[in-house]
Structure formats: structure tokens, C-alpha cells
Amino acid sequence: MAAAAGKAGNGTKTTPDLEADIKQLKADIEALAKQLAATGEHGYGAARHAAALGAEQMKAQSDAAVEALRSNARDIEDQIMTTVREKPVTSLAIAAGVGFLVALLARR
């Protein structure tokens, strides 16, 4: 025959050529699967790291907000105490009025 080794004369592949191609295809698929698995693990690790950083930032922000609220509450308390000391009669009248309003609302 005039065909070259491993090739048929009309351009089609022979059985050994097809078997070699199948082996190469299997190897390529296996390498691709390993690469996809590694990429997936890397992506999961990166997402987990980003989530941890985000959680730490949110905790720091919430701690700062709580501290700011505590500071504001202390300032308001100090202002109320100063006002009560400076004007005790007025403060007593305001407290009685607020108590009266609360009692009216509670009865309804």
C-alpha cells in the first residue's frame, strides 16, 4: 500500500491513531479537571478570606458606633444632671408633667 505508517491513503486515521488521540484527549481532560479543581479551591479560599475581612471591618465599625452612642448618652446624662442641679424646681415640674402624660397614655 501507498499509505504512510499510521495513516490511510485517503486522509482518514487508522485505529492506532484514533487510540492515541483518545489517550491524549483523556489526558487533556484529566489535566483540565485538575486545573478546574485547583481554581475552585483558590476561589473558595479567596472568597472566605474576603468574607472574614468584611466581618472584621463590620465588627470594628459596630464597636465604634456603640462607643459613640455610649459617649453621646453620657453627654446627655451630664447635661440633664447639670440642668437638674441648676433648676431643681423646673426639673421637678417637667418630671411631674411627663409622668402625668405617661399615666394618661397608659390608661387608654
C-alpha atoms as a PDB file:
ATOM      1  CA  MET A   1       0.000   0.000   0.000  1.00  0.00           C
ATOM      2  CA  ALA A   2       0.999   3.559  -0.553  1.00  0.00           C
ATOM      3  CA  ALA A   3      -0.223   4.753   2.861  1.00  0.00           C
ATOM      4  CA  ALA A   4       2.242   6.163   5.368  1.00  0.00           C
ATOM      5  CA  ALA A   5       2.631   4.437   8.730  1.00  0.00           C
ATOM      6  CA  GLY A   6      -0.391   5.191  10.850  1.00  0.00           C
ATOM      7  CA  LYS A   7      -2.295   6.990   8.073  1.00  0.00           C
ATOM      8  CA  ALA A   8      -4.593   5.660   5.422  1.00  0.00           C
ATOM      9  CA  GLY A   9      -4.175   6.801   1.867  1.00  0.00           C
ATOM     10  CA  ASN A  10      -7.394   8.844   1.768  1.00  0.00           C
ATOM     11  CA  GLY A  11      -6.613  11.081   4.807  1.00  0.00           C
ATOM     12  CA  THR A  12      -8.556   9.141   7.438  1.00  0.00           C
ATOM     13  CA  LYS A  13      -6.897   7.975  10.648  1.00  0.00           C
ATOM     14  CA  THR A  14      -6.222   4.362  11.451  1.00  0.00           C
ATOM     15  CA  THR A  15      -7.186   2.585  14.643  1.00  0.00           C
ATOM     16  CA  PRO A  16      -3.791   3.144  16.361  1.00  0.00           C
ATOM     17  CA  ASP A  17      -4.009   6.861  15.514  1.00  0.00           C
ATOM     18  CA  LEU A  18      -7.509   7.094  16.961  1.00  0.00           C
ATOM     19  CA  GLU A  19      -6.428   5.241  20.097  1.00  0.00           C
ATOM     20  CA  ALA A  20      -3.524   7.678  20.530  1.00  0.00           C
ATOM     21  CA  ASP A  21      -5.880  10.623  20.045  1.00  0.00           C
ATOM     22  CA  ILE A  22      -8.295   9.183  22.619  1.00  0.00           C
ATOM     23  CA  LYS A  23      -5.436   8.724  25.112  1.00  0.00           C
ATOM     24  CA  GLN A  24      -4.310  12.305  24.521  1.00  0.00           C
ATOM     25  CA  LEU A  25      -7.888  13.562  24.907  1.00  0.00           C
ATOM     26  CA  LYS A  26      -8.271  11.661  28.191  1.00  0.00           C
ATOM     27  CA  ALA A  27      -5.004  13.156  29.457  1.00  0.00           C
ATOM     28  CA  ASP A  28      -6.130  16.649  28.445  1.00  0.00           C
ATOM     29  CA  ILE A  29      -9.495  16.190  30.170  1.00  0.00           C
ATOM     30  CA  GLU A  30      -7.768  14.940  33.328  1.00  0.00           C
ATOM     31  CA  ALA A  31      -5.389  17.923  33.333  1.00  0.00           C
ATOM     32  CA  LEU A  32      -8.304  20.298  32.781  1.00  0.00           C
ATOM     33  CA  ALA A  33     -10.261  18.708  35.648  1.00  0.00           C
ATOM     34  CA  LYS A  34      -7.267  19.125  37.983  1.00  0.00           C
ATOM     35  CA  GLN A  35      -6.848  22.734  36.910  1.00  0.00           C
ATOM     36  CA  LEU A  36     -10.552  23.467  37.478  1.00  0.00           C
ATOM     37  CA  ALA A  37     -10.399  21.859  40.926  1.00  0.00           C
ATOM     38  CA  ALA A  38      -7.377  23.972  41.858  1.00  0.00           C
ATOM     39  CA  THR A  39      -9.082  27.110  40.556  1.00  0.00           C
ATOM     40  CA  GLY A  40     -12.215  26.299  42.547  1.00  0.00           C
ATOM     41  CA  GLU A  41     -10.209  25.776  45.739  1.00  0.00           C
ATOM     42  CA  HIS A  42      -8.383  29.060  45.176  1.00  0.00           C
ATOM     43  CA  GLY A  43     -11.652  30.888  44.524  1.00  0.00           C
ATOM     44  CA  TYR A  44     -13.228  29.431  47.668  1.00  0.00           C
ATOM     45  CA  GLY A  45     -10.214  30.433  49.745  1.00  0.00           C
ATOM     46  CA  ALA A  46     -10.233  33.961  48.348  1.00  0.00           C
ATOM     47  CA  ALA A  47     -13.976  34.344  48.975  1.00  0.00           C
ATOM     48  CA  ARG A  48     -13.590  33.025  52.510  1.00  0.00           C
ATOM     49  CA  HIS A  49     -10.722  35.435  53.188  1.00  0.00           C
ATOM     50  CA  ALA A  50     -12.719  38.379  51.794  1.00  0.00           C
ATOM     51  CA  ALA A  51     -15.719  37.433  53.946  1.00  0.00           C
ATOM     52  CA  ALA A  52     -13.523  37.241  57.053  1.00  0.00           C
ATOM     53  CA  LEU A  53     -12.055  40.665  56.319  1.00  0.00           C
ATOM     54  CA  GLY A  54     -15.528  42.099  55.747  1.00  0.00           C
ATOM     55  CA  ALA A  55     -16.754  40.643  59.034  1.00  0.00           C
ATOM     56  CA  GLU A  56     -13.787  42.142  60.893  1.00  0.00           C
ATOM     57  CA  GLN A  57     -14.432  45.555  59.329  1.00  0.00           C
ATOM     58  CA  MET A  58     -18.134  45.418  60.215  1.00  0.00           C
ATOM     59  CA  LYS A  59     -17.292  44.444  63.809  1.00  0.00           C
ATOM     60  CA  ALA A  60     -14.859  47.345  64.102  1.00  0.00           C
ATOM     61  CA  GLN A  61     -17.441  49.756  62.686  1.00  0.00           C
ATOM     62  CA  SER A  62     -20.167  48.471  65.005  1.00  0.00           C
ATOM     63  CA  ASP A  63     -17.844  48.742  68.010  1.00  0.00           C
ATOM     64  CA  ALA A  64     -17.058  52.339  67.048  1.00  0.00           C
ATOM     65  CA  ALA A  65     -20.774  53.123  66.639  1.00  0.00           C
ATOM     66  CA  VAL A  66     -21.622  51.599  70.034  1.00  0.00           C
ATOM     67  CA  GLU A  67     -18.851  53.612  71.681  1.00  0.00           C
ATOM     68  CA  ALA A  68     -20.116  56.802  70.011  1.00  0.00           C
ATOM     69  CA  LEU A  69     -23.646  56.088  71.291  1.00  0.00           C
ATOM     70  CA  ARG A  70     -22.332  55.486  74.808  1.00  0.00           C
ATOM     71  CA  SER A  71     -20.401  58.736  74.669  1.00  0.00           C
ATOM     72  CA  ASN A  72     -23.491  60.629  73.483  1.00  0.00           C
ATOM     73  CA  ALA A  73     -25.583  59.039  76.243  1.00  0.00           C
ATOM     74  CA  ARG A  74     -23.011  60.103  78.846  1.00  0.00           C
ATOM     75  CA  ASP A  75     -23.033  63.657  77.457  1.00  0.00           C
ATOM     76  CA  ILE A  76     -26.846  63.820  77.586  1.00  0.00           C
ATOM     77  CA  GLU A  77     -26.848  62.429  81.117  1.00  0.00           C
ATOM     78  CA  ASP A  78     -24.305  65.050  82.176  1.00  0.00           C
ATOM     79  CA  GLN A  79     -26.408  67.814  80.610  1.00  0.00           C
ATOM     80  CA  ILE A  80     -29.550  66.574  82.386  1.00  0.00           C
ATOM     81  CA  MET A  81     -27.741  66.370  85.717  1.00  0.00           C
ATOM     82  CA  THR A  82     -26.402  69.913  85.274  1.00  0.00           C
ATOM     83  CA  THR A  83     -29.839  71.239  84.403  1.00  0.00           C
ATOM     84  CA  VAL A  84     -31.451  69.484  87.387  1.00  0.00           C
ATOM     85  CA  ARG A  85     -28.810  70.942  89.724  1.00  0.00           C
ATOM     86  CA  GLU A  86     -29.222  74.442  88.294  1.00  0.00           C
ATOM     87  CA  LYS A  87     -33.046  74.419  88.140  1.00  0.00           C
ATOM     88  CA  PRO A  88     -34.441  71.793  90.526  1.00  0.00           C
ATOM     89  CA  VAL A  89     -37.977  73.233  90.690  1.00  0.00           C
ATOM     90  CA  THR A  90     -38.301  73.422  86.905  1.00  0.00           C
ATOM     91  CA  SER A  91     -36.929  69.887  86.571  1.00  0.00           C
ATOM     92  CA  LEU A  92     -39.421  68.591  89.121  1.00  0.00           C
ATOM     93  CA  ALA A  93     -42.295  70.272  87.280  1.00  0.00           C
ATOM     94  CA  ILE A  94     -41.164  68.759  83.958  1.00  0.00           C
ATOM     95  CA  ALA A  95     -40.854  65.293  85.528  1.00  0.00           C
ATOM     96  CA  ALA A  96     -44.351  65.588  87.014  1.00  0.00           C
ATOM     97  CA  GLY A  97     -45.769  66.664  83.651  1.00  0.00           C
ATOM     98  CA  VAL A  98     -44.108  63.779  81.822  1.00  0.00           C
ATOM     99  CA  GLY A  99     -45.361  61.358  84.480  1.00  0.00           C
ATOM    100  CA  PHE A 100     -48.892  62.707  84.093  1.00  0.00           C
ATOM    101  CA  LEU A 101     -48.747  62.256  80.280  1.00  0.00           C
ATOM    102  CA  VAL A 102     -47.429  58.711  80.613  1.00  0.00           C
ATOM    103  CA  ALA A 103     -50.251  57.899  83.067  1.00  0.00           C
ATOM    104  CA  LEU A 104     -52.843  59.263  80.612  1.00  0.00           C
ATOM    105  CA  LEU A 105     -51.438  57.226  77.764  1.00  0.00           C
ATOM    106  CA  ALA A 106     -51.236  54.086  79.903  1.00  0.00           C
ATOM    107  CA  ARG A 107     -54.935  54.318  80.820  1.00  0.00           C
ATOM    108  CA  ARG A 108     -56.026  54.172  77.175  1.00  0.00           C
END
